[in-house]
Each structure stands twice: as C-alpha cells, then as structure tokens.
PDB file of N, CA and C in Angstrom:
ATOM      1  N   MET A   1     -12.557  11.602 -47.207  1.00  0.00           N
ATOM      2  CA  MET A   1     -11.261  11.565 -47.855  1.00  0.00           C
ATOM      3  C   MET A   1     -10.831  10.114 -47.988  1.00  0.00           C
ATOM      4  N   ARG A   2     -10.314   9.788 -49.135  1.00  0.00           N
ATOM      5  CA  ARG A   2      -9.887   8.425 -49.409  1.00  0.00           C
ATOM      6  C   ARG A   2      -8.386   8.408 -49.667  1.00  0.00           C
ATOM      7  N   ILE A   3      -7.665   7.450 -48.993  1.00  0.00           N
ATOM      8  CA  ILE A   3      -6.219   7.348 -49.162  1.00  0.00           C
ATOM      9  C   ILE A   3      -5.917   6.063 -49.893  1.00  0.00           C
ATOM     10  N   ASP A   4      -5.125   6.180 -50.919  1.00  0.00           N
ATOM     11  CA  ASP A   4      -4.694   5.006 -51.679  1.00  0.00           C
ATOM     12  C   ASP A   4      -3.465   4.436 -50.977  1.00  0.00           C
ATOM     13  N   LEU A   5      -3.610   3.294 -50.279  1.00  0.00           N
ATOM     14  CA  LEU A   5      -2.525   2.705 -49.505  1.00  0.00           C
ATOM     15  C   LEU A   5      -1.387   2.199 -50.379  1.00  0.00           C
ATOM     16  N   ARG A   6      -1.665   1.943 -51.640  1.00  0.00           N
ATOM     17  CA  ARG A   6      -0.603   1.467 -52.542  1.00  0.00           C
ATOM     18  C   ARG A   6       0.430   2.558 -52.782  1.00  0.00           C
ATOM     19  N   CYS A   7       0.032   3.817 -52.668  1.00  0.00           N
ATOM     20  CA  CYS A   7       0.946   4.918 -52.930  1.00  0.00           C
ATOM     21  C   CYS A   7       1.726   5.349 -51.688  1.00  0.00           C
ATOM     22  N   HIS A   8       1.233   5.028 -50.504  1.00  0.00           N
ATOM     23  CA  HIS A   8       1.856   5.516 -49.266  1.00  0.00           C
ATOM     24  C   HIS A   8       2.068   4.418 -48.225  1.00  0.00           C
ATOM     25  N   PRO A   9       2.679   3.287 -48.578  1.00  0.00           N
ATOM     26  CA  PRO A   9       2.807   2.222 -47.582  1.00  0.00           C
ATOM     27  C   PRO A   9       3.690   2.611 -46.390  1.00  0.00           C
ATOM     28  N   GLY A  10       4.720   3.392 -46.594  1.00  0.00           N
ATOM     29  CA  GLY A  10       5.598   3.793 -45.494  1.00  0.00           C
ATOM     30  C   GLY A  10       4.892   4.687 -44.494  1.00  0.00           C
ATOM     31  N   LYS A  11       4.032   5.560 -44.941  1.00  0.00           N
ATOM     32  CA  LYS A  11       3.318   6.470 -44.055  1.00  0.00           C
ATOM     33  C   LYS A  11       2.297   5.716 -43.201  1.00  0.00           C
ATOM     34  N   VAL A  12       1.666   4.712 -43.769  1.00  0.00           N
ATOM     35  CA  VAL A  12       0.703   3.923 -43.001  1.00  0.00           C
ATOM     36  C   VAL A  12       1.429   3.145 -41.910  1.00  0.00           C
ATOM     37  N   LEU A  13       2.585   2.561 -42.246  1.00  0.00           N
ATOM     38  CA  LEU A  13       3.362   1.825 -41.271  1.00  0.00           C
ATOM     39  C   LEU A  13       3.827   2.757 -40.154  1.00  0.00           C
ATOM     40  N   LEU A  14       4.291   3.949 -40.510  1.00  0.00           N
ATOM     41  CA  LEU A  14       4.729   4.921 -39.519  1.00  0.00           C
ATOM     42  C   LEU A  14       3.571   5.326 -38.611  1.00  0.00           C
ATOM     43  N   LEU A  15       2.396   5.500 -39.180  1.00  0.00           N
ATOM     44  CA  LEU A  15       1.227   5.852 -38.394  1.00  0.00           C
ATOM     45  C   LEU A  15       0.888   4.736 -37.404  1.00  0.00           C
ATOM     46  N   LEU A  16       0.943   3.496 -37.837  1.00  0.00           N
ATOM     47  CA  LEU A  16       0.644   2.381 -36.955  1.00  0.00           C
ATOM     48  C   LEU A  16       1.690   2.227 -35.854  1.00  0.00           C
ATOM     49  N   VAL A  17       2.962   2.390 -36.179  1.00  0.00           N
ATOM     50  CA  VAL A  17       4.016   2.293 -35.172  1.00  0.00           C
ATOM     51  C   VAL A  17       3.871   3.432 -34.173  1.00  0.00           C
ATOM     52  N   GLY A  18       3.573   4.621 -34.647  1.00  0.00           N
ATOM     53  CA  GLY A  18       3.377   5.768 -33.754  1.00  0.00           C
ATOM     54  C   GLY A  18       2.209   5.548 -32.810  1.00  0.00           C
ATOM     55  N   ALA A  19       1.139   4.955 -33.275  1.00  0.00           N
ATOM     56  CA  ALA A  19      -0.018   4.693 -32.421  1.00  0.00           C
ATOM     57  C   ALA A  19       0.339   3.679 -31.339  1.00  0.00           C
ATOM     58  N   GLY A  20       1.125   2.673 -31.670  1.00  0.00           N
ATOM     59  CA  GLY A  20       1.539   1.685 -30.679  1.00  0.00           C
ATOM     60  C   GLY A  20       2.439   2.291 -29.616  1.00  0.00           C
ATOM     61  N   ALA A  21       3.322   3.194 -29.997  1.00  0.00           N
ATOM     62  CA  ALA A  21       4.215   3.839 -29.039  1.00  0.00           C
ATOM     63  C   ALA A  21       3.429   4.720 -28.075  1.00  0.00           C
ATOM     64  N   ALA A  22       2.400   5.367 -28.569  1.00  0.00           N
ATOM     65  CA  ALA A  22       1.596   6.221 -27.689  1.00  0.00           C
ATOM     66  C   ALA A  22       0.885   5.380 -26.633  1.00  0.00           C
ATOM     67  N   GLN A  23       0.440   4.187 -26.977  1.00  0.00           N
ATOM     68  CA  GLN A  23      -0.248   3.339 -26.020  1.00  0.00           C
ATOM     69  C   GLN A  23       0.709   2.794 -24.964  1.00  0.00           C
ATOM     70  N   VAL A  24       1.942   2.502 -25.341  1.00  0.00           N
ATOM     71  CA  VAL A  24       2.909   1.968 -24.396  1.00  0.00           C
ATOM     72  C   VAL A  24       3.292   3.024 -23.373  1.00  0.00           C
ATOM     73  N   ALA A  25       3.362   4.293 -23.766  1.00  0.00           N
ATOM     74  CA  ALA A  25       3.761   5.372 -22.861  1.00  0.00           C
ATOM     75  C   ALA A  25       2.710   5.633 -21.785  1.00  0.00           C
ATOM     76  N   GLU A  26       1.459   5.327 -22.055  1.00  0.00           N
ATOM     77  CA  GLU A  26       0.384   5.543 -21.083  1.00  0.00           C
ATOM     78  C   GLU A  26       0.456   4.484 -19.985  1.00  0.00           C
ATOM     79  N   PRO A  27       0.291   4.868 -18.709  1.00  0.00           N
ATOM     80  CA  PRO A  27       0.246   3.835 -17.659  1.00  0.00           C
ATOM     81  C   PRO A  27      -1.016   2.995 -17.801  1.00  0.00           C
ATOM     82  N   MET A  28      -0.871   1.717 -17.560  1.00  0.00           N
ATOM     83  CA  MET A  28      -2.007   0.819 -17.678  1.00  0.00           C
ATOM     84  C   MET A  28      -2.861   0.900 -16.420  1.00  0.00           C
ATOM     85  N   ALA A  29      -4.159   0.885 -16.598  1.00  0.00           N
ATOM     86  CA  ALA A  29      -5.076   0.874 -15.457  1.00  0.00           C
ATOM     87  C   ALA A  29      -5.002  -0.485 -14.778  1.00  0.00           C
ATOM     88  N   ASN A  30      -5.107  -0.491 -13.451  1.00  0.00           N
ATOM     89  CA  ASN A  30      -5.101  -1.722 -12.654  1.00  0.00           C
ATOM     90  C   ASN A  30      -3.853  -2.565 -12.877  1.00  0.00           C
ATOM     91  N   ALA A  31      -2.709  -1.910 -12.973  1.00  0.00           N
ATOM     92  CA  ALA A  31      -1.446  -2.622 -13.138  1.00  0.00           C
ATOM     93  C   ALA A  31      -0.646  -2.524 -11.846  1.00  0.00           C
ATOM     94  N   TRP A  32       0.082  -3.594 -11.508  1.00  0.00           N
ATOM     95  CA  TRP A  32       0.935  -3.580 -10.327  1.00  0.00           C
ATOM     96  C   TRP A  32       2.113  -2.658 -10.595  1.00  0.00           C
ATOM     97  N   VAL A  33       2.442  -1.841  -9.618  1.00  0.00           N
ATOM     98  CA  VAL A  33       3.558  -0.912  -9.716  1.00  0.00           C
ATOM     99  C   VAL A  33       4.410  -1.074  -8.467  1.00  0.00           C
ATOM    100  N   ARG A  34       5.716  -1.176  -8.635  1.00  0.00           N
ATOM    101  CA  ARG A  34       6.617  -1.306  -7.479  1.00  0.00           C
ATOM    102  C   ARG A  34       6.832   0.079  -6.863  1.00  0.00           C
ATOM    103  N   LEU A  35       6.559   0.195  -5.585  1.00  0.00           N
ATOM    104  CA  LEU A  35       6.785   1.432  -4.852  1.00  0.00           C
ATOM    105  C   LEU A  35       8.046   1.248  -4.019  1.00  0.00           C
ATOM    106  N   GLU A  36       9.108   1.889  -4.410  1.00  0.00           N
ATOM    107  CA  GLU A  36      10.419   1.686  -3.793  1.00  0.00           C
ATOM    108  C   GLU A  36      10.441   2.048  -2.308  1.00  0.00           C
ATOM    109  N   ARG A  37       9.639   3.012  -1.888  1.00  0.00           N
ATOM    110  CA  ARG A  37       9.675   3.472  -0.493  1.00  0.00           C
ATOM    111  C   ARG A  37       8.583   2.847   0.370  1.00  0.00           C
ATOM    112  N   ALA A  38       7.813   1.933  -0.172  1.00  0.00           N
ATOM    113  CA  ALA A  38       6.676   1.350   0.555  1.00  0.00           C
ATOM    114  C   ALA A  38       7.136   0.183   1.428  1.00  0.00           C
ATOM    115  N   GLU A  39       7.888   0.499   2.469  1.00  0.00           N
ATOM    116  CA  GLU A  39       8.443  -0.526   3.345  1.00  0.00           C
ATOM    117  C   GLU A  39       7.508  -0.761   4.534  1.00  0.00           C
ATOM    118  N   ILE A  40       7.311  -2.019   4.871  1.00  0.00           N
ATOM    119  CA  ILE A  40       6.617  -2.381   6.100  1.00  0.00           C
ATOM    120  C   ILE A  40       7.687  -2.954   7.016  1.00  0.00           C
ATOM    121  N   VAL A  41       7.980  -2.228   8.099  1.00  0.00           N
ATOM    122  CA  VAL A  41       9.080  -2.580   8.998  1.00  0.00           C
ATOM    123  C   VAL A  41       8.656  -3.733   9.906  1.00  0.00           C
ATOM    124  N   GLY A  42       9.532  -4.716  10.074  1.00  0.00           N
ATOM    125  CA  GLY A  42       9.261  -5.842  10.965  1.00  0.00           C
ATOM    126  C   GLY A  42       8.737  -7.046  10.218  1.00  0.00           C
ATOM    127  N   LYS A  43       8.948  -8.203  10.821  1.00  0.00           N
ATOM    128  CA  LYS A  43       8.486  -9.457  10.213  1.00  0.00           C
ATOM    129  C   LYS A  43       7.012  -9.675  10.524  1.00  0.00           C
ATOM    130  N   ARG A  44       6.268 -10.109   9.524  1.00  0.00           N
ATOM    131  CA  ARG A  44       4.890 -10.551   9.716  1.00  0.00           C
ATOM    132  C   ARG A  44       4.504 -11.415   8.521  1.00  0.00           C
ATOM    133  N   TRP A  45       3.579 -12.288   8.720  1.00  0.00           N
ATOM    134  CA  TRP A  45       3.100 -13.154   7.637  1.00  0.00           C
ATOM    135  C   TRP A  45       1.599 -13.317   7.779  1.00  0.00           C
ATOM    136  N   ASP A  46       0.990 -13.969   6.800  1.00  0.00           N
ATOM    137  CA  ASP A  46      -0.477 -14.093   6.738  1.00  0.00           C
ATOM    138  C   ASP A  46      -1.113 -12.707   6.897  1.00  0.00           C
ATOM    139  N   VAL A  47      -0.638 -11.787   6.099  1.00  0.00           N
ATOM    140  CA  VAL A  47      -1.050 -10.388   6.216  1.00  0.00           C
ATOM    141  C   VAL A  47      -2.289 -10.135   5.361  1.00  0.00           C
ATOM    142  N   PRO A  48      -3.399  -9.718   6.006  1.00  0.00           N
ATOM    143  CA  PRO A  48      -4.582  -9.374   5.219  1.00  0.00           C
ATOM    144  C   PRO A  48      -4.399  -8.015   4.553  1.00  0.00           C
ATOM    145  N   LEU A  49      -4.656  -7.979   3.272  1.00  0.00           N
ATOM    146  CA  LEU A  49      -4.589  -6.751   2.488  1.00  0.00           C
ATOM    147  C   LEU A  49      -5.977  -6.513   1.929  1.00  0.00           C
ATOM    148  N   GLY A  50      -6.487  -5.310   2.092  1.00  0.00           N
ATOM    149  CA  GLY A  50      -7.824  -5.005   1.594  1.00  0.00           C
ATOM    150  C   GLY A  50      -7.864  -3.626   0.973  1.00  0.00           C
ATOM    151  N   TYR A  51      -8.988  -3.326   0.386  1.00  0.00           N
ATOM    152  CA  TYR A  51      -9.203  -2.007  -0.222  1.00  0.00           C
ATOM    153  C   TYR A  51     -10.446  -1.398   0.403  1.00  0.00           C
ATOM    154  N   ASP A  52     -10.321  -0.165   0.886  1.00  0.00           N
ATOM    155  CA  ASP A  52     -11.445   0.552   1.470  1.00  0.00           C
ATOM    156  C   ASP A  52     -11.979   1.525   0.421  1.00  0.00           C
ATOM    157  N   PRO A  53     -13.141   1.230  -0.185  1.00  0.00           N
ATOM    158  CA  PRO A  53     -13.658   2.112  -1.240  1.00  0.00           C
ATOM    159  C   PRO A  53     -14.054   3.495  -0.720  1.00  0.00           C
ATOM    160  N   GLN A  54     -14.378   3.608   0.556  1.00  0.00           N
ATOM    161  CA  GLN A  54     -14.766   4.909   1.090  1.00  0.00           C
ATOM    162  C   GLN A  54     -13.562   5.864   1.135  1.00  0.00           C
ATOM    163  N   SER A  55     -12.427   5.381   1.642  1.00  0.00           N
ATOM    164  CA  SER A  55     -11.236   6.236   1.692  1.00  0.00           C
ATOM    165  C   SER A  55     -10.375   6.093   0.437  1.00  0.00           C
ATOM    166  N   LYS A  56     -10.729   5.130  -0.420  1.00  0.00           N
ATOM    167  CA  LYS A  56      -9.997   4.851  -1.661  1.00  0.00           C
ATOM    168  C   LYS A  56      -8.531   4.558  -1.376  1.00  0.00           C
ATOM    169  N   ARG A  57      -8.302   3.699  -0.367  1.00  0.00           N
ATOM    170  CA  ARG A  57      -6.945   3.344   0.025  1.00  0.00           C
ATOM    171  C   ARG A  57      -6.837   1.847   0.273  1.00  0.00           C
ATOM    172  N   PHE A  58      -5.637   1.314   0.008  1.00  0.00           N
ATOM    173  CA  PHE A  58      -5.342  -0.058   0.364  1.00  0.00           C
ATOM    174  C   PHE A  58      -4.948  -0.085   1.838  1.00  0.00           C
ATOM    175  N   LEU A  59      -5.346  -1.152   2.537  1.00  0.00           N
ATOM    176  CA  LEU A  59      -5.075  -1.283   3.962  1.00  0.00           C
ATOM    177  C   LEU A  59      -4.389  -2.610   4.268  1.00  0.00           C
ATOM    178  N   VAL A  60      -3.462  -2.588   5.215  1.00  0.00           N
ATOM    179  CA  VAL A  60      -2.881  -3.790   5.804  1.00  0.00           C
ATOM    180  C   VAL A  60      -3.438  -3.857   7.213  1.00  0.00           C
ATOM    181  N   LEU A  61      -3.985  -5.008   7.558  1.00  0.00           N
ATOM    182  CA  LEU A  61      -4.638  -5.166   8.860  1.00  0.00           C
ATOM    183  C   LEU A  61      -3.943  -6.258   9.658  1.00  0.00           C
ATOM    184  N   GLY A  62      -2.932  -5.882  10.403  1.00  0.00           N
ATOM    185  CA  GLY A  62      -2.258  -6.834  11.293  1.00  0.00           C
ATOM    186  C   GLY A  62      -1.339  -7.787  10.588  1.00  0.00           C
ATOM    187  N   GLY A  63      -1.562  -9.056  10.820  1.00  0.00           N
ATOM    188  CA  GLY A  63      -0.681 -10.099  10.335  1.00  0.00           C
ATOM    189  C   GLY A  63      -0.108 -10.841  11.526  1.00  0.00           C
ATOM    190  N   ARG A  64       0.427 -12.006  11.277  1.00  0.00           N
ATOM    191  CA  ARG A  64       0.987 -12.817  12.366  1.00  0.00           C
ATOM    192  C   ARG A  64       2.453 -12.472  12.555  1.00  0.00           C
ATOM    193  N   THR A  65       2.898 -12.568  13.802  1.00  0.00           N
ATOM    194  CA  THR A  65       4.288 -12.321  14.150  1.00  0.00           C
ATOM    195  C   THR A  65       4.618 -13.089  15.427  1.00  0.00           C
ATOM    196  N   THR A  66       5.878 -13.109  15.787  1.00  0.00           N
ATOM    197  CA  THR A  66       6.266 -13.756  17.037  1.00  0.00           C
ATOM    198  C   THR A  66       6.341 -12.712  18.138  1.00  0.00           C
ATOM    199  N   TRP A  67       6.271 -13.140  19.376  1.00  0.00           N
ATOM    200  CA  TRP A  67       6.353 -12.207  20.500  1.00  0.00           C
ATOM    201  C   TRP A  67       7.712 -11.499  20.495  1.00  0.00           C
ATOM    202  N   ALA A  68       8.781 -12.225  20.172  1.00  0.00           N
ATOM    203  CA  ALA A  68      10.118 -11.623  20.126  1.00  0.00           C
ATOM    204  C   ALA A  68      10.182 -10.540  19.056  1.00  0.00           C
ATOM    205  N   ASP A  69       9.597 -10.797  17.880  1.00  0.00           N
ATOM    206  CA  ASP A  69       9.597  -9.793  16.808  1.00  0.00           C
ATOM    207  C   ASP A  69       8.709  -8.605  17.160  1.00  0.00           C
ATOM    208  N   TYR A  70       7.663  -8.860  17.919  1.00  0.00           N
ATOM    209  CA  TYR A  70       6.732  -7.788  18.275  1.00  0.00           C
ATOM    210  C   TYR A  70       7.392  -6.741  19.159  1.00  0.00           C
ATOM    211  N   LYS A  71       8.437  -7.132  19.898  1.00  0.00           N
ATOM    212  CA  LYS A  71       9.131  -6.199  20.776  1.00  0.00           C
ATOM    213  C   LYS A  71      10.110  -5.307  20.013  1.00  0.00           C
ATOM    214  N   GLN A  72      10.399  -5.667  18.764  1.00  0.00           N
ATOM    215  CA  GLN A  72      11.317  -4.892  17.930  1.00  0.00           C
ATOM    216  C   GLN A  72      10.567  -3.743  17.250  1.00  0.00           C
ATOM    217  N   PRO A  73      11.280  -2.694  16.834  1.00  0.00           N
ATOM    218  CA  PRO A  73      10.611  -1.637  16.072  1.00  0.00           C
ATOM    219  C   PRO A  73       9.927  -2.235  14.841  1.00  0.00           C
ATOM    220  N   ARG A  74       8.706  -1.799  14.609  1.00  0.00           N
ATOM    221  CA  ARG A  74       7.925  -2.325  13.482  1.00  0.00           C
ATOM    222  C   ARG A  74       6.845  -1.338  13.120  1.00  0.00           C
ATOM    223  N   SER A  75       6.300  -1.497  11.936  1.00  0.00           N
ATOM    224  CA  SER A  75       5.156  -0.685  11.527  1.00  0.00           C
ATOM    225  C   SER A  75       3.958  -1.057  12.391  1.00  0.00           C
ATOM    226  N   HIS A  76       3.023  -0.143  12.511  1.00  0.00           N
ATOM    227  CA  HIS A  76       1.833  -0.387  13.321  1.00  0.00           C
ATOM    228  C   HIS A  76       0.981  -1.495  12.695  1.00  0.00           C
ATOM    229  N   ASP A  77       0.035  -2.027  13.445  1.00  0.00           N
ATOM    230  CA  ASP A  77      -0.812  -3.119  12.948  1.00  0.00           C
ATOM    231  C   ASP A  77      -1.736  -2.699  11.821  1.00  0.00           C
ATOM    232  N   VAL A  78      -2.163  -1.443  11.808  1.00  0.00           N
ATOM    233  CA  VAL A  78      -3.040  -0.950  10.736  1.00  0.00           C
ATOM    234  C   VAL A  78      -2.241   0.043   9.906  1.00  0.00           C
ATOM    235  N   LEU A  79      -2.147  -0.256   8.613  1.00  0.00           N
ATOM    236  CA  LEU A  79      -1.411   0.596   7.684  1.00  0.00           C
ATOM    237  C   LEU A  79      -2.306   0.945   6.513  1.00  0.00           C
ATOM    238  N   ALA A  80      -2.139   2.147   5.989  1.00  0.00           N
ATOM    239  CA  ALA A  80      -2.864   2.577   4.790  1.00  0.00           C
ATOM    240  C   ALA A  80      -1.848   3.064   3.772  1.00  0.00           C
ATOM    241  N   LEU A  81      -2.037   2.704   2.521  1.00  0.00           N
ATOM    242  CA  LEU A  81      -1.115   3.124   1.478  1.00  0.00           C
ATOM    243  C   LEU A  81      -1.395   4.572   1.112  1.00  0.00           C
ATOM    244  N   ASP A  82      -0.408   5.421   1.318  1.00  0.00           N
ATOM    245  CA  ASP A  82      -0.489   6.824   0.910  1.00  0.00           C
ATOM    246  C   ASP A  82       0.122   6.894  -0.481  1.00  0.00           C
ATOM    247  N   GLU A  83      -0.728   6.950  -1.493  1.00  0.00           N
ATOM    248  CA  GLU A  83      -0.240   6.898  -2.874  1.00  0.00           C
ATOM    249  C   GLU A  83       0.593   8.108  -3.246  1.00  0.00           C
ATOM    250  N   SER A  84       0.274   9.279  -2.692  1.00  0.00           N
ATOM    251  CA  SER A  84       1.054  10.472  -3.029  1.00  0.00           C
ATOM    252  C   SER A  84       2.481  10.370  -2.497  1.00  0.00           C
ATOM    253  N   GLU A  85       2.669   9.722  -1.348  1.00  0.00           N
ATOM    254  CA  GLU A  85       3.995   9.519  -0.775  1.00  0.00           C
ATOM    255  C   GLU A  85       4.637   8.227  -1.279  1.00  0.00           C
ATOM    256  N   GLY A  86       3.807   7.290  -1.748  1.00  0.00           N
ATOM    257  CA  GLY A  86       4.311   5.987  -2.174  1.00  0.00           C
ATOM    258  C   GLY A  86       4.809   5.160  -1.009  1.00  0.00           C
ATOM    259  N   ARG A  87       4.153   5.324   0.156  1.00  0.00           N
ATOM    260  CA  ARG A  87       4.597   4.651   1.382  1.00  0.00           C
ATOM    261  C   ARG A  87       3.402   4.173   2.184  1.00  0.00           C
ATOM    262  N   TRP A  88       3.660   3.182   3.064  1.00  0.00           N
ATOM    263  CA  TRP A  88       2.647   2.713   3.992  1.00  0.00           C
ATOM    264  C   TRP A  88       2.640   3.630   5.202  1.00  0.00           C
ATOM    265  N   GLU A  89       1.487   4.124   5.562  1.00  0.00           N
ATOM    266  CA  GLU A  89       1.316   5.052   6.674  1.00  0.00           C
ATOM    267  C   GLU A  89       0.763   4.315   7.884  1.00  0.00           C
ATOM    268  N   ASN A  90       1.369   4.553   9.061  1.00  0.00           N
ATOM    269  CA  ASN A  90       0.834   4.010  10.309  1.00  0.00           C
ATOM    270  C   ASN A  90      -0.497   4.697  10.597  1.00  0.00           C
ATOM    271  N   VAL A  91      -1.532   3.909  10.859  1.00  0.00           N
ATOM    272  CA  VAL A  91      -2.856   4.476  11.166  1.00  0.00           C
ATOM    273  C   VAL A  91      -3.164   4.181  12.632  1.00  0.00           C
ATOM    274  N   PHE A  92      -3.321   5.245  13.406  1.00  0.00           N
ATOM    275  CA  PHE A  92      -3.601   5.123  14.835  1.00  0.00           C
ATOM    276  C   PHE A  92      -5.049   5.524  15.100  1.00  0.00           C
ATOM    277  N   PRO A  93      -5.593   5.107  16.233  1.00  0.00           N
ATOM    278  CA  PRO A  93      -6.947   5.562  16.593  1.00  0.00           C
ATOM    279  C   PRO A  93      -6.973   7.087  16.730  1.00  0.00           C
ATOM    280  N   SER A  94      -8.131   7.667  16.524  1.00  0.00           N
ATOM    281  CA  SER A  94      -8.282   9.126  16.637  1.00  0.00           C
ATOM    282  C   SER A  94      -7.771   9.610  17.988  1.00  0.00           C
ATOM    283  N   GLY A  95      -7.002  10.692  17.948  1.00  0.00           N
ATOM    284  CA  GLY A  95      -6.497  11.288  19.174  1.00  0.00           C
ATOM    285  C   GLY A  95      -5.248  10.634  19.738  1.00  0.00           C
ATOM    286  N   LYS A  96      -4.749   9.583  19.099  1.00  0.00           N
ATOM    287  CA  LYS A  96      -3.548   8.900  19.592  1.00  0.00           C
ATOM    288  C   LYS A  96      -2.355   9.255  18.712  1.00  0.00           C
ATOM    289  N   ASP A  97      -1.258   9.610  19.346  1.00  0.00           N
ATOM    290  CA  ASP A  97      -0.017   9.887  18.634  1.00  0.00           C
ATOM    291  C   ASP A  97       1.034   8.940  19.189  1.00  0.00           C
ATOM    292  N   TRP A  98       1.096   7.738  18.628  1.00  0.00           N
ATOM    293  CA  TRP A  98       1.969   6.707  19.156  1.00  0.00           C
ATOM    294  C   TRP A  98       3.312   6.643  18.445  1.00  0.00           C
ATOM    295  N   GLY A  99       3.543   7.510  17.475  1.00  0.00           N
ATOM    296  CA  GLY A  99       4.819   7.460  16.778  1.00  0.00           C
ATOM    297  C   GLY A  99       4.761   8.148  15.441  1.00  0.00           C
ATOM    298  N   PRO A 100       5.779   7.897  14.617  1.00  0.00           N
ATOM    299  CA  PRO A 100       5.864   8.579  13.323  1.00  0.00           C
ATOM    300  C   PRO A 100       4.768   8.130  12.358  1.00  0.00           C
ATOM    301  N   ARG A 101       4.459   8.992  11.431  1.00  0.00           N
ATOM    302  CA  ARG A 101       3.453   8.681  10.416  1.00  0.00           C
ATOM    303  C   ARG A 101       3.926   7.528   9.533  1.00  0.00           C
ATOM    304  N   PHE A 102       5.208   7.543   9.195  1.00  0.00           N
ATOM    305  CA  PHE A 102       5.806   6.496   8.369  1.00  0.00           C
ATOM    306  C   PHE A 102       6.941   5.854   9.158  1.00  0.00           C
ATOM    307  N   ALA A 103       7.324   4.655   8.797  1.00  0.00           N
ATOM    308  CA  ALA A 103       8.471   3.934   9.374  1.00  0.00           C
ATOM    309  C   ALA A 103       8.078   3.138  10.607  1.00  0.00           C
ATOM    310  N   GLY A 104       9.069   2.461  11.158  1.00  0.00           N
ATOM    311  CA  GLY A 104       8.838   1.597  12.303  1.00  0.00           C
ATOM    312  C   GLY A 104       8.766   2.375  13.601  1.00  0.00           C
ATOM    313  N   LEU A 105       8.164   1.760  14.604  1.00  0.00           N
ATOM    314  CA  LEU A 105       8.054   2.367  15.914  1.00  0.00           C
ATOM    315  C   LEU A 105       8.096   1.271  16.957  1.00  0.00           C
ATOM    316  N   THR A 106       8.486   1.637  18.162  1.00  0.00           N
ATOM    317  CA  THR A 106       8.346   0.740  19.286  1.00  0.00           C
ATOM    318  C   THR A 106       6.986   1.069  19.858  1.00  0.00           C
ATOM    319  N   ASP A 107       6.071   0.171  19.707  1.00  0.00           N
ATOM    320  CA  ASP A 107       4.653   0.457  19.924  1.00  0.00           C
ATOM    321  C   ASP A 107       4.308   0.619  21.401  1.00  0.00           C
ATOM    322  N   PRO A 108       4.198   1.870  21.879  1.00  0.00           N
ATOM    323  CA  PRO A 108       3.847   2.070  23.281  1.00  0.00           C
ATOM    324  C   PRO A 108       2.419   1.655  23.587  1.00  0.00           C
ATOM    325  N   SER A 109       1.596   1.516  22.568  1.00  0.00           N
ATOM    326  CA  SER A 109       0.207   1.124  22.804  1.00  0.00           C
ATOM    327  C   SER A 109       0.138  -0.274  23.417  1.00  0.00           C
ATOM    328  N   ARG A 110       1.088  -1.132  23.078  1.00  0.00           N
ATOM    329  CA  ARG A 110       1.097  -2.483  23.631  1.00  0.00           C
ATOM    330  C   ARG A 110       1.407  -2.446  25.128  1.00  0.00           C
ATOM    331  N   ALA A 111       2.315  -1.549  25.531  1.00  0.00           N
ATOM    332  CA  ALA A 111       2.657  -1.439  26.952  1.00  0.00           C
ATOM    333  C   ALA A 111       1.518  -0.805  27.730  1.00  0.00           C
ATOM    334  N   ALA A 112       0.795   0.109  27.079  1.00  0.00           N
ATOM    335  CA  ALA A 112      -0.280   0.820  27.761  1.00  0.00           C
ATOM    336  C   ALA A 112      -1.537  -0.038  27.903  1.00  0.00           C
ATOM    337  N   LEU A 113      -1.683  -0.999  27.004  1.00  0.00           N
ATOM    338  CA  LEU A 113      -2.879  -1.837  27.046  1.00  0.00           C
ATOM    339  C   LEU A 113      -2.650  -3.035  27.949  1.00  0.00           C
ATOM    340  N   SER A 114      -3.614  -3.344  28.728  1.00  0.00           N
ATOM    341  CA  SER A 114      -3.532  -4.568  29.513  1.00  0.00           C
ATOM    342  C   SER A 114      -4.935  -5.104  29.710  1.00  0.00           C
ATOM    343  N   ALA A 115      -5.026  -6.390  29.727  1.00  0.00           N
ATOM    344  CA  ALA A 115      -6.319  -7.018  29.969  1.00  0.00           C
ATOM    345  C   ALA A 115      -6.307  -7.565  31.388  1.00  0.00           C
ATOM    346  N   ALA A 116      -7.378  -7.387  32.055  1.00  0.00           N
ATOM    347  CA  ALA A 116      -7.456  -7.870  33.434  1.00  0.00           C
ATOM    348  C   ALA A 116      -8.820  -8.494  33.669  1.00  0.00           C
ATOM    349  N   CYS A 117      -8.790  -9.535  34.449  1.00  0.00           N
ATOM    350  CA  CYS A 117     -10.049 -10.172  34.851  1.00  0.00           C
ATOM    351  C   CYS A 117     -10.216  -9.944  36.348  1.00  0.00           C
ATOM    352  N   GLU A 118     -11.312  -9.423  36.699  1.00  0.00           N
ATOM    353  CA  GLU A 118     -11.587  -9.226  38.122  1.00  0.00           C
ATOM    354  C   GLU A 118     -12.505 -10.329  38.593  1.00  0.00           C
ATOM    355  N   ARG A 119     -12.213 -10.803  39.762  1.00  0.00           N
ATOM    356  CA  ARG A 119     -13.089 -11.805  40.338  1.00  0.00           C
ATOM    357  C   ARG A 119     -14.168 -11.074  41.112  1.00  0.00           C
ATOM    358  N   ARG A 120     -15.347 -11.372  40.797  1.00  0.00           N
ATOM    359  CA  ARG A 120     -16.461 -10.743  41.500  1.00  0.00           C
ATOM    360  C   ARG A 120     -17.241 -11.832  42.237  1.00  0.00           C
ATOM    361  N   ASP A 121     -17.247 -11.712  43.500  1.00  0.00           N
ATOM    362  CA  ASP A 121     -18.048 -12.649  44.285  1.00  0.00           C
ATOM    363  C   ASP A 121     -19.468 -12.129  44.345  1.00  0.00           C
ATOM    364  N   ARG A 122     -20.376 -12.994  44.059  1.00  0.00           N
ATOM    365  CA  ARG A 122     -21.771 -12.557  44.037  1.00  0.00           C
ATOM    366  C   ARG A 122     -22.446 -12.806  45.325  1.00  0.00           C
TER     367      ARG A 122
END
C-alpha cells in the first residue's frame, strides 16, 4: 500500500506525535527511580553498593559510622533492596531474628558479639 503524503500531512504528523507519546509512557530500562520508602536509618558514609546477580538484588554492605551513631537505632549492616516493597530490607544471618525486616533497630548482635584473646602458655 502506498500513501501519498502530500494529501495527508496532518495524519502523518498525528501518527508521529502518537508514536512519541507511546515511548514516553513506557518506563525506561536501567533508569534511576526514586523510591520514597527506601530509607536507610542512621548515619553512614563510604557505603558500598553492589548488585548480586544470583538473587537479582541490590545490596548495601556496611559503611563507615561513628561509635556514638552505632549505638543509635539504625538499619542493619547488610541490606537488600526489596523492589516489590520499594524498601531496604535488613538481612540477618540464617536463623537469627535480630529485629524488624524493615526500619531501624538497636542491634543486639553487637552486644552479643565479643572478641576475646586468651593467653595460652605453652
């Protein structure tokens, strides 16, 4: 089928504008999106952010903080982005329930952990 553009210039323009609007409505792949509920509680800096292809999730692994800030309620050191919730999820070791799935916590794991050096006389 052949269309004579001289006879239908308005329809061609409408078709082109309609095609552009359809592309704008589609979300762009690999685009940054603001997640309003994705709060990481507590101060930290130099935060490593990575992507785990096996679980297909973004991860936050620790970050630097002060000892005073560490005593305040804060998100856990390991966080995974739960895309369905649009929030950072506290990730605990298997079998540990140290607090809520989302939001800040007073980390009892820090109180429970202690390092000790024993002197062994040989």
